[in-house]
Amino acid sequence: MSLKKILAAGLVLSFAAAPAIAGHHDKKEMAHEKADIVDTAVAAGSFNTLVAAVQAAGLEETLRSEGPFTVFAPTDEAFAALPEGTVETLLKPENKDQLVSILTYHVVAGKTKSKSLAGKTLSVATVNGAEVAIDGTDGVKVGGATVVQADIWTSNGVIHVIDAVIMPPASE
């Protein structure tokens, strides 16, 4: 995951969702900006698999960095819904590249508020480099997963909880 890819994703996002990453913060947002993305996920207690995967992929330091990042975070239940043995296989060191690809497909550069997605359909570049479809016309869906809790503010971004693990398109 190069700085060039992160910057490119941020540039695409800034045009697609400019109001979402504007420099102002509302009171609700400011009140929750104490912990970074990783610490917020740990404290929630429903992202144990995601946190373990982030650590196994070597992405913890990145998700603790300044960012900002928008993370579409699958719950433990979302990971449990994958075919049996999938998580265990992905956590093996020999599958680190695949795990990194999947996890970075859940991350977009910048802070995107859910209200900036409402009523829109877009395709946004993820940190992984691939585009993910976002459909905000009936709730918010990301890559087919439904956002079940939005706008969890952190010191370095925002988390939107999703009900499924989204998979990047196969490399060609």
C-alpha atoms as a PDB file:
ATOM      1  CA  MET A   1       0.000   0.000   0.000  1.00  0.00           C
ATOM      2  CA  SER A   2       1.924   2.983  -1.244  1.00  0.00           C
ATOM      3  CA  LEU A   3       1.522   6.624  -0.366  1.00  0.00           C
ATOM      4  CA  LYS A   4       0.823   7.224  -4.053  1.00  0.00           C
ATOM      5  CA  LYS A   5      -2.223   4.890  -3.934  1.00  0.00           C
ATOM      6  CA  ILE A   6      -3.492   6.526  -0.746  1.00  0.00           C
ATOM      7  CA  LEU A   7      -3.129   9.997  -2.252  1.00  0.00           C
ATOM      8  CA  ALA A   8      -4.813   8.923  -5.492  1.00  0.00           C
ATOM      9  CA  ALA A   9      -7.722   7.425  -3.558  1.00  0.00           C
ATOM     10  CA  GLY A  10      -7.997  10.614  -1.551  1.00  0.00           C
ATOM     11  CA  LEU A  11      -8.074  12.725  -4.701  1.00  0.00           C
ATOM     12  CA  VAL A  12     -10.870  10.637  -6.209  1.00  0.00           C
ATOM     13  CA  LEU A  13     -12.825  10.740  -2.966  1.00  0.00           C
ATOM     14  CA  SER A  14     -12.405  14.499  -2.620  1.00  0.00           C
ATOM     15  CA  PHE A  15     -14.183  15.044  -5.921  1.00  0.00           C
ATOM     16  CA  ALA A  16     -16.844  12.390  -5.302  1.00  0.00           C
ATOM     17  CA  ALA A  17     -17.669  13.377  -1.750  1.00  0.00           C
ATOM     18  CA  ALA A  18     -16.230  16.859  -1.226  1.00  0.00           C
ATOM     19  CA  PRO A  19     -18.864  17.922   1.307  1.00  0.00           C
ATOM     20  CA  ALA A  20     -18.100  14.852   3.391  1.00  0.00           C
ATOM     21  CA  ILE A  21     -14.470  15.694   3.913  1.00  0.00           C
ATOM     22  CA  ALA A  22     -14.815  19.416   4.403  1.00  0.00           C
ATOM     23  CA  GLY A  23     -12.747  20.830   7.230  1.00  0.00           C
ATOM     24  CA  HIS A  24     -15.535  21.509   9.735  1.00  0.00           C
ATOM     25  CA  HIS A  25     -16.652  19.284  12.570  1.00  0.00           C
ATOM     26  CA  ASP A  26     -19.990  19.231  14.307  1.00  0.00           C
ATOM     27  CA  LYS A  27     -20.323  18.835  18.092  1.00  0.00           C
ATOM     28  CA  LYS A  28     -21.299  15.148  17.853  1.00  0.00           C
ATOM     29  CA  GLU A  29     -18.224  14.414  15.752  1.00  0.00           C
ATOM     30  CA  MET A  30     -15.858  16.302  18.068  1.00  0.00           C
ATOM     31  CA  ALA A  31     -17.172  14.524  21.160  1.00  0.00           C
ATOM     32  CA  HIS A  32     -16.021  11.140  19.854  1.00  0.00           C
ATOM     33  CA  GLU A  33     -12.619  12.071  18.446  1.00  0.00           C
ATOM     34  CA  LYS A  34     -10.514  10.639  21.249  1.00  0.00           C
ATOM     35  CA  ALA A  35      -9.323   7.217  20.076  1.00  0.00           C
ATOM     36  CA  ASP A  36      -7.950   6.162  16.701  1.00  0.00           C
ATOM     37  CA  ILE A  37      -9.672   3.676  14.397  1.00  0.00           C
ATOM     38  CA  VAL A  38      -7.983   0.617  15.933  1.00  0.00           C
ATOM     39  CA  ASP A  39      -8.632   1.584  19.560  1.00  0.00           C
ATOM     40  CA  THR A  40     -12.248   2.462  18.733  1.00  0.00           C
ATOM     41  CA  ALA A  41     -12.747  -0.932  17.079  1.00  0.00           C
ATOM     42  CA  VAL A  42     -11.178  -2.728  20.052  1.00  0.00           C
ATOM     43  CA  ALA A  43     -13.329  -0.812  22.543  1.00  0.00           C
ATOM     44  CA  ALA A  44     -16.530  -1.613  20.614  1.00  0.00           C
ATOM     45  CA  GLY A  45     -16.029  -5.332  21.274  1.00  0.00           C
ATOM     46  CA  SER A  46     -17.750  -6.408  18.046  1.00  0.00           C
ATOM     47  CA  PHE A  47     -14.719  -6.174  15.746  1.00  0.00           C
ATOM     48  CA  ASN A  48     -12.376  -8.766  17.293  1.00  0.00           C
ATOM     49  CA  THR A  49     -11.926 -10.628  14.005  1.00  0.00           C
ATOM     50  CA  LEU A  50     -11.329  -7.410  12.077  1.00  0.00           C
ATOM     51  CA  VAL A  51      -8.731  -6.232  14.589  1.00  0.00           C
ATOM     52  CA  ALA A  52      -6.975  -9.626  14.515  1.00  0.00           C
ATOM     53  CA  ALA A  53      -6.951  -9.499  10.701  1.00  0.00           C
ATOM     54  CA  VAL A  54      -5.601  -5.927  10.674  1.00  0.00           C
ATOM     55  CA  GLN A  55      -2.799  -7.016  13.015  1.00  0.00           C
ATOM     56  CA  ALA A  56      -2.025 -10.159  10.974  1.00  0.00           C
ATOM     57  CA  ALA A  57      -1.906  -8.065   7.792  1.00  0.00           C
ATOM     58  CA  GLY A  58       0.513  -5.572   9.333  1.00  0.00           C
ATOM     59  CA  LEU A  59      -1.964  -2.701   8.868  1.00  0.00           C
ATOM     60  CA  GLU A  60      -2.360  -1.655  12.497  1.00  0.00           C
ATOM     61  CA  GLU A  61       0.245   1.120  12.311  1.00  0.00           C
ATOM     62  CA  THR A  62      -1.383   2.514   9.161  1.00  0.00           C
ATOM     63  CA  LEU A  63      -4.837   2.588  10.777  1.00  0.00           C
ATOM     64  CA  ARG A  64      -3.324   4.340  13.802  1.00  0.00           C
ATOM     65  CA  SER A  65      -1.671   6.987  11.589  1.00  0.00           C
ATOM     66  CA  GLU A  66      -3.024  10.476  10.969  1.00  0.00           C
ATOM     67  CA  GLY A  67      -5.237   9.458   8.039  1.00  0.00           C
ATOM     68  CA  PRO A  68      -7.961  10.430   7.722  1.00  0.00           C
ATOM     69  CA  PHE A  69      -9.628   7.193   6.683  1.00  0.00           C
ATOM     70  CA  THR A  70     -13.168   5.987   6.186  1.00  0.00           C
ATOM     71  CA  VAL A  71     -13.412   2.335   7.211  1.00  0.00           C
ATOM     72  CA  PHE A  72     -16.341   0.128   6.247  1.00  0.00           C
ATOM     73  CA  ALA A  73     -15.921  -2.279   9.156  1.00  0.00           C
ATOM     74  CA  PRO A  74     -17.404  -5.787   9.064  1.00  0.00           C
ATOM     75  CA  THR A  75     -18.571  -7.105  12.437  1.00  0.00           C
ATOM     76  CA  ASP A  76     -17.496 -10.408  13.947  1.00  0.00           C
ATOM     77  CA  GLU A  77     -20.827 -11.813  12.711  1.00  0.00           C
ATOM     78  CA  ALA A  78     -19.978 -10.698   9.164  1.00  0.00           C
ATOM     79  CA  PHE A  79     -16.689 -12.597   9.298  1.00  0.00           C
ATOM     80  CA  ALA A  80     -18.467 -15.621  10.823  1.00  0.00           C
ATOM     81  CA  ALA A  81     -20.808 -15.683   7.805  1.00  0.00           C
ATOM     82  CA  LEU A  82     -17.889 -16.408   5.443  1.00  0.00           C
ATOM     83  CA  PRO A  83     -17.463 -20.044   4.388  1.00  0.00           C
ATOM     84  CA  GLU A  84     -16.023 -22.216   7.143  1.00  0.00           C
ATOM     85  CA  GLY A  85     -12.230 -21.954   7.403  1.00  0.00           C
ATOM     86  CA  THR A  86     -11.970 -18.736   5.358  1.00  0.00           C
ATOM     87  CA  VAL A  87     -10.847 -16.496   8.213  1.00  0.00           C
ATOM     88  CA  GLU A  88      -8.360 -19.041   9.525  1.00  0.00           C
ATOM     89  CA  THR A  89      -6.895 -19.458   6.024  1.00  0.00           C
ATOM     90  CA  LEU A  90      -6.605 -15.702   5.473  1.00  0.00           C
ATOM     91  CA  LEU A  91      -4.823 -15.228   8.812  1.00  0.00           C
ATOM     92  CA  LYS A  92      -1.991 -17.566   7.792  1.00  0.00           C
ATOM     93  CA  PRO A  93       1.271 -15.723   7.017  1.00  0.00           C
ATOM     94  CA  GLU A  94       1.417 -17.184   3.497  1.00  0.00           C
ATOM     95  CA  ASN A  95      -1.913 -15.477   2.694  1.00  0.00           C
ATOM     96  CA  LYS A  96      -0.929 -12.028   3.956  1.00  0.00           C
ATOM     97  CA  ASP A  97      -1.105 -10.386   0.499  1.00  0.00           C
ATOM     98  CA  GLN A  98      -4.670 -11.609  -0.026  1.00  0.00           C
ATOM     99  CA  LEU A  99      -5.652 -10.468   3.479  1.00  0.00           C
ATOM    100  CA  VAL A 100      -4.139  -7.011   2.870  1.00  0.00           C
ATOM    101  CA  SER A 101      -6.042  -6.768  -0.418  1.00  0.00           C
ATOM    102  CA  ILE A 102      -9.356  -7.621   1.250  1.00  0.00           C
ATOM    103  CA  LEU A 103      -8.862  -5.324   4.232  1.00  0.00           C
ATOM    104  CA  THR A 104      -7.692  -2.325   2.198  1.00  0.00           C
ATOM    105  CA  TYR A 105     -10.789  -2.770   0.005  1.00  0.00           C
ATOM    106  CA  HIS A 106     -12.760  -1.745   3.111  1.00  0.00           C
ATOM    107  CA  VAL A 107     -10.876   1.569   3.457  1.00  0.00           C
ATOM    108  CA  VAL A 108     -11.241   4.865   1.608  1.00  0.00           C
ATOM    109  CA  ALA A 109      -8.967   7.865   2.097  1.00  0.00           C
ATOM    110  CA  GLY A 110     -10.676  10.832   3.782  1.00  0.00           C
ATOM    111  CA  LYS A 111     -13.579  11.213   6.232  1.00  0.00           C
ATOM    112  CA  THR A 112     -16.880  10.450   4.555  1.00  0.00           C
ATOM    113  CA  LYS A 113     -20.037  11.237   6.514  1.00  0.00           C
ATOM    114  CA  SER A 114     -22.992   8.965   5.837  1.00  0.00           C
ATOM    115  CA  LYS A 115     -25.244  11.919   5.027  1.00  0.00           C
ATOM    116  CA  SER A 116     -22.967  12.778   2.091  1.00  0.00           C
ATOM    117  CA  LEU A 117     -23.764   9.355   0.582  1.00  0.00           C
ATOM    118  CA  ALA A 118     -27.532   9.574   1.017  1.00  0.00           C
ATOM    119  CA  GLY A 119     -29.444   9.546  -2.260  1.00  0.00           C
ATOM    120  CA  LYS A 120     -26.319   8.955  -4.356  1.00  0.00           C
ATOM    121  CA  THR A 121     -24.762   6.087  -6.254  1.00  0.00           C
ATOM    122  CA  LEU A 122     -21.041   6.281  -6.801  1.00  0.00           C
ATOM    123  CA  SER A 123     -17.945   4.277  -7.381  1.00  0.00           C
ATOM    124  CA  VAL A 124     -15.062   5.220  -5.105  1.00  0.00           C
ATOM    125  CA  ALA A 125     -11.411   4.187  -5.165  1.00  0.00           C
ATOM    126  CA  THR A 126     -10.403   2.203  -2.100  1.00  0.00           C
ATOM    127  CA  VAL A 127      -6.944   2.163  -0.552  1.00  0.00           C
ATOM    128  CA  ASN A 128      -6.512  -1.223  -2.258  1.00  0.00           C
ATOM    129  CA  GLY A 129      -6.728   0.598  -5.621  1.00  0.00           C
ATOM    130  CA  ALA A 130      -9.957  -1.038  -6.776  1.00  0.00           C
ATOM    131  CA  GLU A 131     -13.263   0.798  -6.985  1.00  0.00           C
ATOM    132  CA  VAL A 132     -16.153  -0.072  -4.677  1.00  0.00           C
ATOM    133  CA  ALA A 133     -19.781   0.681  -5.510  1.00  0.00           C
ATOM    134  CA  ILE A 134     -21.702   2.751  -2.977  1.00  0.00           C
ATOM    135  CA  ASP A 135     -25.477   2.960  -3.216  1.00  0.00           C
ATOM    136  CA  GLY A 136     -27.115   5.459  -0.900  1.00  0.00           C
ATOM    137  CA  THR A 137     -30.569   5.409  -2.491  1.00  0.00           C
ATOM    138  CA  ASP A 138     -32.165   3.059   0.060  1.00  0.00           C
ATOM    139  CA  GLY A 139     -30.042   3.204   3.188  1.00  0.00           C
ATOM    140  CA  VAL A 140     -26.355   2.835   2.339  1.00  0.00           C
ATOM    141  CA  LYS A 141     -24.835  -0.227   0.710  1.00  0.00           C
ATOM    142  CA  VAL A 142     -21.119  -0.635   0.064  1.00  0.00           C
ATOM    143  CA  GLY A 143     -20.083  -3.381  -2.316  1.00  0.00           C
ATOM    144  CA  GLY A 144     -23.401  -5.093  -1.530  1.00  0.00           C
ATOM    145  CA  ALA A 145     -22.970  -4.931   2.270  1.00  0.00           C
ATOM    146  CA  THR A 146     -25.419  -2.811   4.255  1.00  0.00           C
ATOM    147  CA  VAL A 147     -24.214  -0.060   6.573  1.00  0.00           C
ATOM    148  CA  VAL A 148     -25.885  -1.001   9.872  1.00  0.00           C
ATOM    149  CA  GLN A 149     -24.315   1.754  11.976  1.00  0.00           C
ATOM    150  CA  ALA A 150     -22.845   4.932  10.524  1.00  0.00           C
ATOM    151  CA  ASP A 151     -20.594   7.759  11.595  1.00  0.00           C
ATOM    152  CA  ILE A 152     -18.513   6.390  14.446  1.00  0.00           C
ATOM    153  CA  TRP A 153     -15.980   9.216  14.707  1.00  0.00           C
ATOM    154  CA  THR A 154     -12.361   8.588  15.645  1.00  0.00           C
ATOM    155  CA  SER A 155      -9.290  10.782  15.932  1.00  0.00           C
ATOM    156  CA  ASN A 156      -8.142   9.744  12.448  1.00  0.00           C
ATOM    157  CA  GLY A 157     -11.320   9.021  10.540  1.00  0.00           C
ATOM    158  CA  VAL A 158     -14.761   7.509  10.638  1.00  0.00           C
ATOM    159  CA  ILE A 159     -16.079   3.953  10.864  1.00  0.00           C
ATOM    160  CA  HIS A 160     -19.251   2.762   9.175  1.00  0.00           C
ATOM    161  CA  VAL A 161     -20.267  -0.711  10.412  1.00  0.00           C
ATOM    162  CA  ILE A 162     -21.268  -3.149   7.650  1.00  0.00           C
ATOM    163  CA  ASP A 163     -23.028  -6.510   7.814  1.00  0.00           C
ATOM    164  CA  ALA A 164     -20.782  -8.428   5.397  1.00  0.00           C
ATOM    165  CA  VAL A 165     -17.160  -8.752   4.351  1.00  0.00           C
ATOM    166  CA  ILE A 166     -16.792  -7.230   0.894  1.00  0.00           C
ATOM    167  CA  MET A 167     -14.372  -8.817  -1.555  1.00  0.00           C
ATOM    168  CA  PRO A 168     -12.284  -6.880  -4.067  1.00  0.00           C
ATOM    169  CA  PRO A 169     -12.690  -7.728  -7.746  1.00  0.00           C
ATOM    170  CA  ALA A 170     -10.383 -10.486  -8.942  1.00  0.00           C
ATOM    171  CA  SER A 171      -7.124  -9.254 -10.441  1.00  0.00           C
ATOM    172  CA  GLU A 172      -6.921  -9.579 -14.162  1.00  0.00           C
END
